[in-house]
Amino acid sequence: MAYTMDSTLGELIADARVRPILDQYVPGASTNPQLAMFKGVSLRMIVSNPMAAQFGITEDKVKAFLAEVNKLG
């Protein structure tokens, strides 16, 4: 299954292969205790939040992340 902008954080972190890649793009994200609040939120919803850019989370960055995780097969 390929991950998309409509994939949720919960789907992504459920895949142990994805967690280290997530941490490369957003250091400490996979172990952040607040992540549980956002498990049902899609990447599209995260990027559309104006505050995301303040944390360096842009659509281009998320697309690069998705390209990398989708290489996992």
N, C-alpha and C. Protein backbone atom coordinates (compact mmCIF):
# COMPACT_ATOMS: atom_id res chain seq x y z
N MET A 1 0.84 -1.18 0.00
CA MET A 1 0.00 0.00 0.00
C MET A 1 0.89 1.25 0.00
N ALA A 2 0.64 2.13 -0.90
CA ALA A 2 1.39 3.38 -0.96
C ALA A 2 0.76 4.40 -0.01
N TYR A 3 1.62 5.13 0.64
CA TYR A 3 1.16 6.21 1.51
C TYR A 3 0.93 7.46 0.66
N THR A 4 -0.07 8.25 1.06
CA THR A 4 -0.43 9.46 0.32
C THR A 4 -0.64 10.61 1.30
N MET A 5 -0.98 11.76 0.75
CA MET A 5 -1.30 12.92 1.59
C MET A 5 -2.53 12.64 2.46
N ASP A 6 -3.32 11.65 2.09
CA ASP A 6 -4.51 11.31 2.86
C ASP A 6 -4.25 10.25 3.93
N SER A 7 -3.02 9.75 3.99
CA SER A 7 -2.65 8.81 5.04
C SER A 7 -2.59 9.54 6.37
N THR A 8 -2.96 8.83 7.42
CA THR A 8 -2.93 9.44 8.75
C THR A 8 -1.58 9.17 9.43
N LEU A 9 -1.30 9.99 10.42
CA LEU A 9 -0.08 9.76 11.19
C LEU A 9 -0.12 8.39 11.86
N GLY A 10 -1.29 7.97 12.29
CA GLY A 10 -1.42 6.66 12.92
C GLY A 10 -1.04 5.54 11.97
N GLU A 11 -1.45 5.63 10.72
CA GLU A 11 -1.08 4.62 9.72
C GLU A 11 0.43 4.60 9.51
N LEU A 12 1.01 5.77 9.45
CA LEU A 12 2.44 5.87 9.19
C LEU A 12 3.27 5.32 10.34
N ILE A 13 2.94 5.71 11.57
CA ILE A 13 3.78 5.27 12.69
C ILE A 13 3.51 3.81 13.06
N ALA A 14 2.42 3.25 12.56
CA ALA A 14 2.17 1.82 12.79
C ALA A 14 3.18 0.97 12.01
N ASP A 15 3.76 1.54 10.98
CA ASP A 15 4.76 0.85 10.17
C ASP A 15 6.14 1.17 10.75
N ALA A 16 6.74 0.19 11.40
CA ALA A 16 8.03 0.40 12.07
C ALA A 16 9.11 0.89 11.12
N ARG A 17 9.00 0.57 9.83
CA ARG A 17 10.00 1.00 8.85
C ARG A 17 9.91 2.49 8.58
N VAL A 18 8.74 3.07 8.83
CA VAL A 18 8.51 4.49 8.52
C VAL A 18 9.01 5.39 9.65
N ARG A 19 8.95 4.92 10.88
CA ARG A 19 9.30 5.77 12.03
C ARG A 19 10.68 6.43 11.93
N PRO A 20 11.74 5.69 11.57
CA PRO A 20 13.04 6.36 11.47
C PRO A 20 13.08 7.44 10.38
N ILE A 21 12.34 7.21 9.31
CA ILE A 21 12.30 8.20 8.23
C ILE A 21 11.54 9.44 8.70
N LEU A 22 10.45 9.23 9.43
CA LEU A 22 9.70 10.35 9.98
C LEU A 22 10.62 11.19 10.87
N ASP A 23 11.42 10.52 11.68
CA ASP A 23 12.33 11.24 12.57
C ASP A 23 13.43 11.99 11.82
N GLN A 24 13.77 11.55 10.63
CA GLN A 24 14.74 12.29 9.82
C GLN A 24 14.14 13.62 9.37
N TYR A 25 12.85 13.60 9.05
CA TYR A 25 12.19 14.81 8.55
C TYR A 25 11.70 15.71 9.69
N VAL A 26 11.26 15.10 10.78
CA VAL A 26 10.80 15.86 11.95
C VAL A 26 11.42 15.17 13.18
N PRO A 27 12.62 15.60 13.57
CA PRO A 27 13.34 14.93 14.66
C PRO A 27 12.49 14.76 15.93
N GLY A 28 12.48 13.52 16.41
CA GLY A 28 11.76 13.19 17.64
C GLY A 28 10.26 12.98 17.47
N ALA A 29 9.75 13.08 16.27
CA ALA A 29 8.31 13.00 16.05
C ALA A 29 7.72 11.65 16.47
N SER A 30 8.40 10.57 16.14
CA SER A 30 7.82 9.25 16.38
C SER A 30 7.73 8.90 17.86
N THR A 31 8.49 9.58 18.70
CA THR A 31 8.46 9.30 20.14
C THR A 31 7.82 10.42 20.95
N ASN A 32 7.34 11.45 20.28
CA ASN A 32 6.71 12.57 20.96
C ASN A 32 5.39 12.10 21.58
N PRO A 33 5.20 12.28 22.89
CA PRO A 33 3.97 11.82 23.54
C PRO A 33 2.71 12.52 23.01
N GLN A 34 2.86 13.69 22.44
CA GLN A 34 1.69 14.41 21.90
C GLN A 34 1.22 13.82 20.56
N LEU A 35 2.01 12.95 19.97
CA LEU A 35 1.66 12.36 18.69
C LEU A 35 0.33 11.60 18.77
N ALA A 36 0.03 11.04 19.91
CA ALA A 36 -1.21 10.27 20.08
C ALA A 36 -2.45 11.12 19.76
N MET A 37 -2.37 12.41 20.01
CA MET A 37 -3.51 13.29 19.73
C MET A 37 -3.75 13.46 18.23
N PHE A 38 -2.74 13.18 17.43
CA PHE A 38 -2.82 13.44 16.00
C PHE A 38 -2.84 12.17 15.15
N LYS A 39 -3.00 11.02 15.75
CA LYS A 39 -2.96 9.76 15.00
C LYS A 39 -4.03 9.69 13.91
N GLY A 40 -5.16 10.30 14.12
CA GLY A 40 -6.24 10.25 13.14
C GLY A 40 -6.19 11.36 12.11
N VAL A 41 -5.16 12.19 12.17
CA VAL A 41 -5.06 13.35 11.28
C VAL A 41 -4.24 12.99 10.04
N SER A 42 -4.76 13.36 8.88
CA SER A 42 -4.05 13.08 7.64
C SER A 42 -2.91 14.07 7.43
N LEU A 43 -1.96 13.66 6.60
CA LEU A 43 -0.86 14.56 6.27
C LEU A 43 -1.38 15.81 5.57
N ARG A 44 -2.41 15.66 4.76
CA ARG A 44 -3.01 16.80 4.07
C ARG A 44 -3.54 17.83 5.07
N MET A 45 -4.20 17.34 6.12
CA MET A 45 -4.75 18.24 7.14
C MET A 45 -3.63 18.93 7.91
N ILE A 46 -2.56 18.21 8.16
CA ILE A 46 -1.44 18.79 8.89
C ILE A 46 -0.82 19.93 8.07
N VAL A 47 -0.56 19.66 6.81
CA VAL A 47 0.07 20.66 5.94
C VAL A 47 -0.83 21.89 5.76
N SER A 48 -2.13 21.68 5.78
CA SER A 48 -3.04 22.81 5.57
C SER A 48 -3.14 23.72 6.79
N ASN A 49 -2.64 23.25 7.93
CA ASN A 49 -2.66 24.06 9.14
C ASN A 49 -1.58 25.14 9.02
N PRO A 50 -1.94 26.39 9.20
CA PRO A 50 -0.95 27.47 9.08
C PRO A 50 0.25 27.34 10.03
N MET A 51 0.05 26.68 11.16
CA MET A 51 1.14 26.53 12.12
C MET A 51 2.17 25.50 11.67
N ALA A 52 1.82 24.63 10.74
CA ALA A 52 2.75 23.59 10.30
C ALA A 52 4.04 24.18 9.75
N ALA A 53 3.92 25.24 8.98
CA ALA A 53 5.10 25.87 8.38
C ALA A 53 6.05 26.40 9.45
N GLN A 54 5.50 26.82 10.59
CA GLN A 54 6.34 27.31 11.68
C GLN A 54 7.25 26.20 12.22
N PHE A 55 6.80 24.96 12.05
CA PHE A 55 7.58 23.81 12.51
C PHE A 55 8.35 23.16 11.36
N GLY A 56 8.38 23.84 10.21
CA GLY A 56 9.12 23.33 9.06
C GLY A 56 8.42 22.23 8.30
N ILE A 57 7.12 22.09 8.54
CA ILE A 57 6.35 21.05 7.86
C ILE A 57 5.63 21.69 6.68
N THR A 58 6.20 21.50 5.51
CA THR A 58 5.63 22.07 4.29
C THR A 58 5.14 20.96 3.38
N GLU A 59 4.34 21.33 2.39
CA GLU A 59 3.85 20.32 1.45
C GLU A 59 5.01 19.67 0.70
N ASP A 60 6.00 20.44 0.31
CA ASP A 60 7.16 19.88 -0.40
C ASP A 60 7.91 18.88 0.49
N LYS A 61 8.06 19.21 1.75
CA LYS A 61 8.76 18.33 2.68
C LYS A 61 7.97 17.03 2.88
N VAL A 62 6.66 17.14 2.99
CA VAL A 62 5.82 15.96 3.18
C VAL A 62 5.85 15.09 1.92
N LYS A 63 5.84 15.71 0.76
CA LYS A 63 5.91 14.93 -0.49
C LYS A 63 7.26 14.21 -0.61
N ALA A 64 8.33 14.85 -0.19
CA ALA A 64 9.64 14.20 -0.20
C ALA A 64 9.65 13.01 0.77
N PHE A 65 9.06 13.21 1.94
CA PHE A 65 8.93 12.15 2.93
C PHE A 65 8.15 10.98 2.35
N LEU A 66 7.02 11.26 1.71
CA LEU A 66 6.19 10.21 1.12
C LEU A 66 6.95 9.46 0.04
N ALA A 67 7.69 10.17 -0.78
CA ALA A 67 8.47 9.51 -1.84
C ALA A 67 9.46 8.53 -1.22
N GLU A 68 10.07 8.94 -0.14
CA GLU A 68 11.05 8.07 0.52
C GLU A 68 10.40 6.85 1.15
N VAL A 69 9.30 7.03 1.87
CA VAL A 69 8.68 5.88 2.51
C VAL A 69 8.03 4.94 1.50
N ASN A 70 7.57 5.48 0.40
CA ASN A 70 6.95 4.61 -0.60
C ASN A 70 7.98 3.77 -1.36
N LYS A 71 9.26 4.10 -1.25
CA LYS A 71 10.32 3.27 -1.82
C LYS A 71 10.49 1.98 -1.03
N LEU A 72 9.97 1.96 0.20
CA LEU A 72 10.11 0.79 1.05
C LEU A 72 9.36 -0.42 0.49
N GLY A 73 8.36 -0.13 -0.33
CA GLY A 73 7.62 -1.23 -0.96
C GLY A 73 6.43 -1.71 -0.21
